[in-house]
Protein backbone atom coordinates (compact mmCIF):
# COMPACT_ATOMS: atom_id res chain seq x y z
CA MET A 1 -25.16 10.05 -30.00
CA GLY A 2 -24.73 8.75 -33.74
CA VAL A 3 -23.96 12.56 -34.84
CA CYS A 4 -21.40 13.11 -32.16
CA CYS A 5 -19.43 10.07 -32.78
CA PRO A 6 -17.83 11.28 -35.94
CA ILE A 7 -16.96 14.37 -34.02
CA LEU A 8 -15.36 12.97 -30.75
CA ARG A 9 -13.31 10.13 -32.61
CA PRO A 10 -10.63 12.36 -34.60
CA TRP A 11 -10.15 14.15 -30.96
CA ASP A 12 -10.09 10.76 -29.11
CA ARG A 13 -7.54 9.76 -31.51
CA THR A 14 -5.30 13.10 -31.91
CA ARG A 15 -5.24 13.03 -27.99
CA ASP A 16 -4.19 9.40 -27.70
CA SER A 17 -1.29 10.26 -30.32
CA TYR A 18 -0.34 13.14 -28.32
CA LEU A 19 -0.44 11.55 -25.00
CA HIS A 20 1.45 8.31 -26.63
CA ASN A 21 4.56 10.59 -27.16
CA ILE A 22 4.67 11.25 -23.34
CA PRO A 23 5.96 8.08 -21.44
CA CYS A 24 4.48 9.15 -18.07
CA LEU A 25 0.70 10.09 -19.73
CA SER A 26 0.72 7.45 -22.25
CA ASP A 27 -0.49 4.31 -20.03
CA PRO A 28 -4.22 5.18 -18.71
CA VAL A 29 -3.08 3.90 -14.93
CA ARG A 30 -0.18 5.90 -14.71
CA ARG A 31 -2.16 9.10 -16.21
CA SER A 32 -4.74 8.33 -13.63
CA SER A 33 -2.11 8.24 -10.90
CA LEU A 34 -0.09 11.03 -11.76
CA PHE A 35 -2.82 13.20 -12.02
CA MET A 36 -3.66 12.10 -8.59
CA LYS A 37 -0.25 12.82 -7.41
CA LEU A 38 -0.61 16.31 -8.59
CA GLY A 39 -3.87 16.89 -7.08
CA LEU A 40 -2.63 15.59 -3.46
CA VAL A 41 0.18 17.95 -3.55
CA ALA A 42 -1.93 20.90 -5.01
CA LEU A 43 -4.24 20.53 -1.75
CA HIS A 44 -1.38 21.02 0.31
CA LEU A 45 -0.10 24.00 -1.37
CA VAL A 46 -3.67 25.47 -1.17
CA PHE A 47 -4.00 24.98 2.60
CA ILE A 48 -0.45 26.61 3.46
CA GLY A 49 -0.95 28.98 0.68
CA PHE A 50 -4.28 30.80 1.77
CA LEU A 51 -2.47 31.56 4.96
CA PHE A 52 0.29 33.04 3.33
CA VAL A 53 -2.15 35.31 0.83
CA CYS A 54 -4.76 36.39 3.39
CA ASP A 55 -3.31 36.14 7.04
CA GLY A 56 -1.25 39.62 7.00
CA GLU A 57 0.33 38.45 10.33
CA PHE A 58 1.49 35.34 8.99
CA ILE A 59 4.55 36.65 7.87
CA GLU A 60 5.34 38.39 11.17
CA LYS A 61 4.93 35.73 13.15
CA THR A 62 7.39 33.93 11.00
CA LYS A 63 9.78 36.65 11.50
CA ARG A 64 8.86 36.62 15.19
CA ASP A 65 9.02 32.75 16.01
CA PRO A 66 11.41 31.69 13.29
CA TRP A 67 11.99 28.08 14.97
CA TYR A 68 8.20 27.69 15.21
CA MET A 69 7.70 28.12 11.57
CA ALA A 70 10.82 26.60 10.15
CA SER A 71 9.48 23.41 12.14
CA TYR A 72 6.35 23.49 10.47
CA PHE A 73 7.99 23.87 6.79
CA LEU A 74 10.32 21.02 7.92
CA LEU A 75 7.42 18.74 8.52
CA PHE A 76 5.72 19.93 5.78
CA SER A 77 8.60 19.11 3.43
CA VAL A 78 9.22 15.71 4.82
CA THR A 79 5.52 14.63 4.68
CA LEU A 80 5.57 15.25 0.95
CA LEU A 81 8.92 13.48 0.42
CA GLN A 82 7.59 10.92 2.28
CA TYR A 83 4.71 10.71 -0.02
CA PHE A 84 7.03 10.52 -3.04
CA VAL A 85 9.18 7.86 -1.44
CA THR A 86 6.28 5.70 -0.26
CA SER A 87 4.53 5.80 -3.61
CA GLY A 88 7.59 5.03 -5.86
CA SER A 89 8.66 2.26 -3.45
CA SER A 90 7.82 -1.34 -4.50
CA PRO A 91 5.29 -3.20 -2.18
CA GLY A 92 7.43 -6.68 -2.73
CA TYR A 93 6.24 -8.60 -5.80
CA VAL A 94 5.84 -12.37 -5.89
CA ILE A 95 8.03 -12.03 -9.40
CA ASP A 96 10.79 -10.50 -7.80
CA ALA A 97 11.11 -12.84 -4.90
CA MET A 98 10.87 -15.81 -7.68
CA ARG A 99 13.76 -14.38 -9.51
CA GLU A 100 15.78 -14.22 -6.26
CA VAL A 101 15.25 -17.65 -4.92
CA CYS A 102 15.91 -18.83 -8.69
CA GLY A 103 18.85 -16.47 -9.25
CA THR A 104 21.49 -19.64 -9.31
CA ASP A 105 19.68 -21.49 -11.74
CA ALA A 106 21.32 -21.31 -15.09
CA ILE A 107 17.92 -22.13 -16.93
CA TYR A 108 16.25 -19.65 -15.42
CA ARG A 109 19.19 -16.96 -16.05
CA ASN A 110 19.41 -17.43 -19.88
CA ALA A 111 15.13 -17.80 -19.93
CA PRO A 112 12.82 -14.92 -20.76
CA THR A 113 11.08 -13.38 -17.47
CA THR A 114 7.72 -12.92 -19.01
CA SER A 115 4.67 -15.44 -19.11
CA ILE A 116 3.06 -15.58 -22.67
CA LYS A 117 -0.11 -17.82 -22.69
CA ASN A 118 -0.96 -18.89 -26.15
CA GLY A 119 -3.64 -21.42 -26.42
CA SER A 120 -2.82 -24.17 -24.71
CA PHE A 121 0.71 -23.60 -24.74
CA VAL A 122 2.34 -21.88 -21.76
CA ILE A 123 5.94 -20.44 -21.30
CA ASN A 124 6.09 -19.65 -17.50
CA VAL A 125 8.61 -17.16 -15.73
CA GLU A 126 11.41 -19.63 -15.27
CA GLY A 127 11.79 -20.40 -19.28
CA GLU A 128 10.02 -24.18 -18.43
CA SER A 129 7.49 -24.99 -21.28
CA ALA A 130 4.92 -26.89 -20.96
CA SER A 131 1.94 -27.96 -22.72
CA GLY A 132 -1.80 -27.71 -21.56
CA GLY A 133 -1.81 -31.14 -20.73
CA GLY A 134 1.49 -31.89 -19.66
CA ARG A 135 2.57 -32.29 -15.88
CA LYS A 136 4.62 -29.60 -14.63
CA THR A 137 7.75 -30.31 -12.44
CA PRO A 138 7.97 -28.20 -9.47
CA THR A 139 10.63 -25.59 -9.50
CA SER A 140 13.11 -24.49 -6.38
CA TRP A 141 10.36 -21.54 -6.22
CA GLY A 142 7.44 -23.96 -6.19
CA LYS A 143 9.06 -26.48 -3.88
CA MET A 144 9.87 -23.57 -1.27
CA VAL A 145 6.13 -22.21 -1.37
CA LEU A 146 4.59 -25.90 -1.01
CA ASP A 147 6.84 -26.03 1.91
CA LEU A 148 4.57 -22.95 3.30
CA TYR A 149 1.45 -24.82 3.06
CA PRO A 150 0.19 -27.91 4.89
CA PRO A 151 1.46 -31.19 3.47
CA GLY A 152 -0.92 -32.68 0.50
CA THR A 153 -1.28 -28.97 -0.89
CA SER A 154 -1.56 -29.29 -4.67
CA LEU A 155 0.85 -26.42 -6.29
CA ARG A 156 -1.69 -25.89 -9.10
CA ASN A 157 -4.31 -24.77 -6.59
CA LEU A 158 -1.41 -22.18 -5.45
CA THR A 159 -0.97 -21.00 -9.34
CA CYS A 160 -2.12 -17.20 -9.96
CA GLY A 161 -4.38 -17.59 -12.80
CA TYR A 162 -3.16 -14.10 -14.16
CA CYS A 163 0.73 -14.15 -13.51
CA HIS A 164 0.99 -17.98 -13.57
CA VAL A 165 3.36 -17.91 -10.74
CA GLU A 166 2.97 -19.91 -7.46
CA GLN A 167 1.63 -17.64 -4.70
CA PRO A 168 3.11 -18.09 -1.26
CA PRO A 169 0.52 -17.28 1.77
CA ARG A 170 -0.75 -14.04 2.07
CA ALA A 171 0.08 -13.08 -1.17
CA LYS A 172 -2.89 -11.92 -3.62
CA HIS A 173 -3.03 -10.59 -7.52
CA CYS A 174 -3.69 -6.88 -7.44
CA HIS A 175 -5.76 -6.22 -10.59
CA ASP A 176 -4.54 -2.28 -10.61
CA CYS A 177 -0.99 -3.61 -10.56
CA ASP A 178 -1.24 -6.40 -12.52
CA ARG A 179 1.01 -8.48 -10.68
CA CYS A 180 0.72 -10.90 -7.33
CA VAL A 181 1.92 -8.81 -4.37
CA LEU A 182 3.66 -10.41 -1.09
CA GLN A 183 1.60 -9.82 1.94
CA PHE A 184 -0.92 -7.75 -0.22
CA ASP A 185 -2.43 -5.17 2.05
CA HIS A 186 -4.52 -3.12 -0.24
CA HIS A 187 -4.02 -1.02 -3.65
CA CYS A 188 -3.74 2.54 -2.63
CA VAL A 189 -5.06 4.97 -5.02
CA TRP A 190 -3.78 7.92 -3.69
CA LEU A 191 -0.08 6.45 -3.91
CA GLY A 192 -0.73 4.79 -7.31
CA THR A 193 0.65 1.39 -5.85
CA CYS A 194 0.19 -1.37 -3.57
CA VAL A 195 1.12 -1.61 0.18
CA GLY A 196 2.55 -4.77 0.80
CA GLN A 197 5.17 -6.60 2.82
CA LYS A 198 8.39 -4.22 1.78
CA ASN A 199 6.61 -0.65 1.79
CA HIS A 200 4.11 -1.11 4.70
CA CYS A 201 6.52 0.58 7.28
CA LYS A 202 6.88 3.62 4.79
CA PHE A 203 3.13 3.98 4.57
CA TRP A 204 2.65 4.13 8.20
CA TRP A 205 5.27 6.77 8.32
CA TYR A 206 3.88 8.55 5.86
CA ILE A 207 0.29 8.61 7.42
CA CYS A 208 1.98 9.55 10.60
CA GLU A 209 3.57 12.38 9.33
CA GLU A 210 0.31 13.33 7.32
CA SER A 211 -1.52 13.40 10.67
CA ALA A 212 1.23 15.25 12.60
CA LEU A 213 0.96 18.09 9.54
CA CYS A 214 -3.27 18.02 9.57
CA ILE A 215 -3.17 18.60 13.47
CA TRP A 216 -0.88 21.31 13.22
CA THR A 217 -2.47 22.84 10.15
CA LEU A 218 -5.73 22.95 12.08
CA ILE A 219 -4.17 24.71 14.96
CA MET A 220 -2.96 27.39 12.65
CA TYR A 221 -6.27 27.77 11.21
CA ILE A 222 -8.02 27.96 14.49
CA ASP A 223 -5.52 30.47 15.69
CA TYR A 224 -6.28 32.78 12.35
CA LEU A 225 -9.90 32.49 12.77
CA SER A 226 -9.89 33.54 16.26
CA ASN A 227 -7.87 36.63 15.51
CA VAL A 228 -9.48 40.27 14.71
CA ALA A 229 -12.52 40.46 12.25
CA LYS A 230 -12.01 39.99 8.74
CA PRO A 231 -14.27 40.35 5.82
CA TRP A 232 -17.12 37.49 5.56
CA TRP A 233 -15.85 35.88 2.26
CA LYS A 234 -12.48 35.46 3.95
CA ASN A 235 -14.44 33.75 7.10
CA ALA A 236 -16.32 31.78 4.70
CA ILE A 237 -13.17 30.25 2.90
CA ILE A 238 -11.63 29.90 5.98
CA ILE A 239 -14.35 27.40 7.60
CA LEU A 240 -14.88 25.89 4.46
CA LEU A 241 -11.19 24.91 4.30
CA LEU A 242 -11.30 24.22 8.25
CA VAL A 243 -14.34 21.61 7.62
CA VAL A 244 -12.09 19.88 4.82
CA LEU A 245 -9.34 19.63 6.90
CA ALA A 246 -11.13 18.47 9.91
CA ILE A 247 -12.54 15.68 8.07
CA SER A 248 -9.30 14.83 6.49
CA MET A 249 -7.43 14.72 10.02
CA ILE A 250 -10.31 12.47 11.25
CA PHE A 251 -9.91 10.06 8.41
CA VAL A 252 -5.79 9.84 8.54
CA LEU A 253 -5.92 9.63 12.27
CA LEU A 254 -8.24 6.48 12.05
CA LEU A 255 -6.05 5.25 9.15
CA LEU A 256 -2.91 5.46 11.26
CA LEU A 257 -4.65 3.57 14.54
CA PHE A 258 -5.83 1.07 11.77
CA HIS A 259 -2.59 0.15 10.44
CA SER A 260 -0.90 0.26 13.87
CA TYR A 261 -3.13 -2.48 15.01
CA LEU A 262 -2.34 -4.45 11.58
CA ILE A 263 1.05 -4.09 12.38
CA LEU A 264 1.10 -4.90 15.85
CA THR A 265 -1.20 -8.11 15.20
CA ASN A 266 0.50 -9.10 11.77
CA GLN A 267 -2.68 -8.84 9.99
CA SER A 268 -3.33 -7.16 6.44
CA THR A 269 -6.58 -5.15 5.61
CA TYR A 270 -7.11 -7.83 2.83
CA GLU A 271 -6.95 -10.42 5.38
CA LEU A 272 -9.19 -8.50 8.03
CA VAL A 273 -11.68 -7.47 5.28
CA ARG A 274 -11.94 -10.69 3.16
CA ARG A 275 -11.10 -13.29 6.08
CA LYS A 276 -14.25 -15.46 5.10
CA ARG A 277 -13.06 -15.70 1.38
CA ILE A 278 -9.43 -16.65 2.15
CA PRO A 279 -9.46 -20.48 1.98
CA TYR A 280 -6.75 -20.94 4.61
CA MET A 281 -8.35 -18.65 7.15
CA ARG A 282 -11.97 -19.44 7.20
CA ASN A 283 -11.91 -22.25 9.95
CA ILE A 284 -9.65 -20.06 11.93
CA PRO A 285 -11.30 -18.03 14.87
CA GLU A 286 -11.62 -14.25 14.27
CA ARG A 287 -9.85 -13.25 17.31
CA VAL A 288 -6.95 -15.69 16.86
CA HIS A 289 -4.35 -13.84 14.41
CA PRO A 290 -2.25 -16.66 12.91
CA PHE A 291 0.77 -15.08 11.73
CA SER A 292 1.36 -12.78 14.88
CA ARG A 293 4.71 -13.78 16.70
CA GLY A 294 4.33 -11.25 19.53
CA ILE A 295 4.31 -7.24 19.27
CA LYS A 296 8.03 -6.91 19.62
CA THR A 297 9.03 -9.52 16.56
CA ASN A 298 6.04 -8.26 14.67
CA LEU A 299 7.76 -4.59 15.06
CA TYR A 300 10.73 -5.57 14.29
CA ASN A 301 9.75 -7.30 11.25
CA VAL A 302 7.85 -4.47 9.77
CA CYS A 303 10.50 -1.47 10.87
CA CYS A 304 13.39 -3.42 10.00
CA GLY A 305 12.38 -5.03 6.50
CA ASN A 306 12.41 -8.87 7.24
CA ASP A 307 11.36 -10.21 4.12
CA THR A 308 10.94 -13.84 5.23
CA LEU A 309 7.94 -15.72 3.73
CA ASP A 310 5.13 -16.74 6.37
CA SER A 311 4.25 -20.06 6.54
CA LEU A 312 0.66 -21.38 7.49
CA PRO A 313 0.43 -22.12 11.30
CA THR A 314 0.29 -25.58 12.59
CA ALA A 315 -3.06 -26.96 14.33
CA PHE A 316 -0.69 -27.05 17.50
CA GLU A 317 0.30 -23.22 17.15
CA LEU A 318 -3.57 -22.43 16.17
CA GLU A 319 -4.29 -24.07 19.44
CA ASP A 320 -1.91 -22.00 21.68
CA LYS A 321 -3.32 -19.04 20.21
CA ALA A 322 -6.79 -19.79 20.77
CA ARG A 323 -5.88 -20.50 24.58
CA PRO A 324 -7.60 -17.72 26.72
CA TYR A 325 -5.06 -15.19 28.33
CA THR A 326 -4.70 -15.95 32.26
CA CYS A 327 -2.84 -13.57 34.79
CA LEU A 328 0.50 -15.65 34.65
CA ASP A 329 0.22 -14.76 30.70
CA LEU A 330 0.00 -10.97 31.44
CA LEU A 331 2.83 -11.04 33.79
CA LYS A 332 5.36 -13.05 31.34
CA CYS A 333 3.80 -10.64 28.54
CA ARG A 334 2.46 -13.51 26.26
CA CYS A 335 1.33 -10.91 23.67
CA CYS A 336 4.60 -9.54 23.40
């Protein structure tokens, strides 16, 4: 190891200096995200390109049924377009919501928008200075966040230890994005961004289109395999791709069903998986969805981009949600 280090270190320095001059490759996180996106696009092109190269009747089918193949390529293009739209969209960051709330504050507009921590001295995002032992006066954002929690909640307990911003309910700090995300669902490595309040609908449409594309491509592969006899190596490749495609289709379909359930019940993946670790959800029964407002309202909030922050339900609301369903509730469509 000691012999190899002097050889590897100059190469590492040369590589880093070269990548530093390329904006999209200078940051390791962005570089990893870019390679993941290129890999996903290449995977799509491999599946459709194999039919073009190896299936001699594929072009004839395209000429014979132009609308059928045009519809497939339209779905293929829309899926990739939706992927890039979703990956480039903002999940809804707490710092952006704070700027909107405090936009009318003259002190905030003239203050720095970054958090600088040096020893015991902190300059927060609203430009207020406070010593480590001083008492911080709640800002307009802090007051609004406090109103979303039960009375008596301390603002210090709601402040993120990384961003130094007050987190509303359902927000969480993402260590990959290094920001607090509103209604944090999960960080998607394939998209290179988080899924949150503002892009959950885009993410659902992407996996819906991806599911349709996988099913359609699987049908085309099965049709290709059931045709006339082909060389063994072509059959081996098509079977291998078919297995990979089937596994991908099952995974995407399950992901689509899972996120459909989350949207209908106004939940997030983080809340469902880490329910016992979230302080304000520990004492809530698992069959109770505290933030659900009915199927219709939940769908409207996700599809129409409602940016309203959810407040914690009161004890009376939780008791009403925990009440068992009766025949009259079913007739009245209580779940909606």
